Amino acid sequence: MTQPPPPQVWPSLRAADAPALIRFLVEAFGFEETAVYADGDTVHHAQLSWPAGGGVMLGSVRGGEDDPWPLRPGTFGAYVVVTGDPDTLFDRAVRAGAEVVTAPRDVDYGKDGSRDFTVRDPEGNLWSFGTYPGEPR
């Protein structure tokens, strides 16, 4: 079996409190803190890896006209493929303080359907998790 290529697309977001968001994403969802470059509470760059592959990059919002990546906190959304039990992950996320948008439910898209849920992190970003892995190329 051939291995898929390493991730080449990295969703990215900004946070008003990047250190707190990093802690939340690790605790609530199980992301792994791969790299964090910071000066005190200002995170210049962080890479959080998803155990099954891929991940996200994030940093502190900077504001001002010289901001090289002027994203507003709370405007990010992502779908993350869950290889284990999404209901267990949902329970973990809720215990960590995620705001429930959609409780776990079965959906009928894809060959085998999917078990999905959507939550909001403390910065207001939407995270949808499910078992649908996408269609093969």
Protein backbone atom coordinates (compact mmCIF):
# COMPACT_ATOMS: atom_id res chain seq x y z
CA MET A 1 0.00 0.00 0.00
CA THR A 2 1.38 3.41 -0.89
CA GLN A 3 1.57 6.04 1.80
CA PRO A 4 -0.30 9.31 1.25
CA PRO A 5 1.89 12.38 0.85
CA PRO A 6 2.51 14.51 3.93
CA PRO A 7 -0.03 17.31 4.46
CA GLN A 8 0.42 20.15 2.02
CA VAL A 9 -2.54 22.29 3.08
CA TRP A 10 -2.51 23.74 6.59
CA PRO A 11 -5.63 25.57 7.76
CA SER A 12 -4.66 28.54 9.89
CA LEU A 13 -6.35 30.82 12.37
CA ARG A 14 -5.74 33.71 14.73
CA ALA A 15 -6.67 33.90 18.39
CA ALA A 16 -7.13 36.67 20.92
CA ASP A 17 -5.65 34.32 23.55
CA ALA A 18 -3.54 31.88 21.54
CA PRO A 19 -1.93 30.10 24.55
CA ALA A 20 -5.41 29.37 25.99
CA LEU A 21 -6.71 28.22 22.59
CA ILE A 22 -3.74 25.87 22.18
CA ARG A 23 -4.42 24.35 25.62
CA PHE A 24 -8.11 23.97 24.73
CA LEU A 25 -7.49 22.31 21.36
CA VAL A 26 -5.09 19.83 22.96
CA GLU A 27 -7.37 19.06 25.92
CA ALA A 28 -10.75 19.12 24.17
CA PHE A 29 -9.97 17.53 20.82
CA GLY A 30 -6.64 15.72 21.17
CA PHE A 31 -4.49 17.84 18.89
CA GLU A 32 -0.78 17.45 19.63
CA GLU A 33 1.36 20.52 20.30
CA THR A 34 4.15 20.12 17.74
CA ALA A 35 5.72 23.58 17.77
CA VAL A 36 5.00 26.87 19.52
CA TYR A 37 7.12 29.98 18.93
CA ALA A 38 6.12 32.69 21.39
CA ASP A 39 7.24 35.73 23.33
CA GLY A 40 5.28 35.57 26.56
CA ASP A 41 1.58 35.44 25.69
CA THR A 42 2.14 36.38 22.03
CA VAL A 43 2.26 33.29 19.85
CA HIS A 44 4.02 34.05 16.58
CA HIS A 45 3.44 30.57 15.18
CA ALA A 46 2.09 27.29 16.50
CA GLN A 47 1.62 23.96 14.79
CA LEU A 48 -0.88 21.54 16.27
CA SER A 49 -0.88 18.11 14.67
CA TRP A 50 -3.90 15.87 14.31
CA PRO A 51 -2.94 12.30 15.30
CA ALA A 52 -4.36 10.77 12.09
CA GLY A 53 -2.49 13.30 9.91
CA GLY A 54 -2.53 16.98 9.07
CA GLY A 55 -3.19 19.70 11.59
CA VAL A 56 -3.65 23.43 12.00
CA MET A 57 -1.39 26.42 12.43
CA LEU A 58 -2.30 29.41 14.56
CA GLY A 59 -0.97 32.54 16.16
CA SER A 60 -1.97 35.55 18.20
CA VAL A 61 -4.01 38.26 16.50
CA ARG A 62 -1.81 41.28 15.96
CA GLY A 63 -4.04 43.95 14.49
CA GLY A 64 -2.69 47.01 12.78
CA GLU A 65 -1.88 47.64 9.16
CA ASP A 66 1.40 45.71 9.24
CA ASP A 67 -0.26 42.40 10.19
CA PRO A 68 0.96 39.85 7.60
CA TRP A 69 -1.99 37.52 8.26
CA PRO A 70 -4.98 39.69 9.22
CA LEU A 71 -7.55 37.09 10.22
CA ARG A 72 -10.22 37.94 12.78
CA PRO A 73 -10.42 35.53 15.73
CA GLY A 74 -13.53 33.38 15.70
CA THR A 75 -13.93 33.24 11.91
CA PHE A 76 -12.35 29.83 11.34
CA GLY A 77 -14.16 26.60 10.53
CA ALA A 78 -12.82 23.11 9.88
CA TYR A 79 -14.00 19.55 9.30
CA VAL A 80 -11.76 16.98 11.00
CA VAL A 81 -11.91 13.26 10.21
CA VAL A 82 -12.29 11.09 13.31
CA THR A 83 -10.79 7.61 13.03
CA GLY A 84 -12.11 6.50 16.43
CA ASP A 85 -15.44 6.99 18.16
CA PRO A 86 -16.86 10.48 17.52
CA ASP A 87 -19.25 10.20 20.47
CA THR A 88 -16.33 9.75 22.87
CA LEU A 89 -14.56 12.75 21.32
CA PHE A 90 -17.78 14.78 21.62
CA ASP A 91 -18.01 13.96 25.33
CA ARG A 92 -14.36 14.95 25.80
CA ALA A 93 -14.90 18.26 23.99
CA VAL A 94 -17.99 19.11 26.05
CA ARG A 95 -16.18 18.31 29.32
CA ALA A 96 -13.41 20.70 28.23
CA GLY A 97 -15.94 23.50 27.65
CA ALA A 98 -16.77 23.32 23.95
CA GLU A 99 -20.09 24.94 23.03
CA VAL A 100 -22.37 22.43 21.32
CA VAL A 101 -23.66 23.53 17.93
CA THR A 102 -24.84 20.11 16.73
CA ALA A 103 -24.82 16.97 18.89
CA PRO A 104 -23.57 13.70 17.35
CA ARG A 105 -25.82 12.55 14.55
CA ASP A 106 -25.77 10.18 11.61
CA VAL A 107 -25.69 11.76 8.16
CA ASP A 108 -26.18 10.02 4.82
CA TYR A 109 -23.45 11.45 2.61
CA GLY A 110 -20.56 9.34 1.41
CA LYS A 111 -20.55 5.65 0.70
CA ASP A 112 -21.06 4.61 4.32
CA GLY A 113 -22.57 7.80 5.73
CA SER A 114 -20.93 9.56 8.64
CA ARG A 115 -21.28 10.19 12.34
CA ASP A 116 -20.76 13.95 12.86
CA PHE A 117 -20.94 16.70 15.46
CA THR A 118 -20.09 20.41 15.52
CA VAL A 119 -18.81 22.51 18.42
CA ARG A 120 -17.45 26.00 18.95
CA ASP A 121 -14.14 26.68 20.73
CA PRO A 122 -13.68 29.53 23.27
CA GLU A 123 -12.58 31.91 20.48
CA GLY A 124 -15.79 31.25 18.53
CA ASN A 125 -14.34 29.01 15.80
CA LEU A 126 -16.45 26.14 14.45
CA TRP A 127 -15.10 22.60 14.54
CA SER A 128 -16.99 19.80 12.83
CA PHE A 129 -15.80 16.25 13.49
CA GLY A 130 -16.98 13.15 11.69
CA THR A 131 -16.15 9.75 10.29
CA TYR A 132 -16.55 10.76 6.63
CA PRO A 133 -13.02 10.62 5.18
CA GLY A 134 -13.82 12.31 1.88
CA GLU A 135 -13.91 10.69 -1.51
CA PRO A 136 -10.84 8.99 -3.00
CA ARG A 137 -8.99 10.84 -5.72
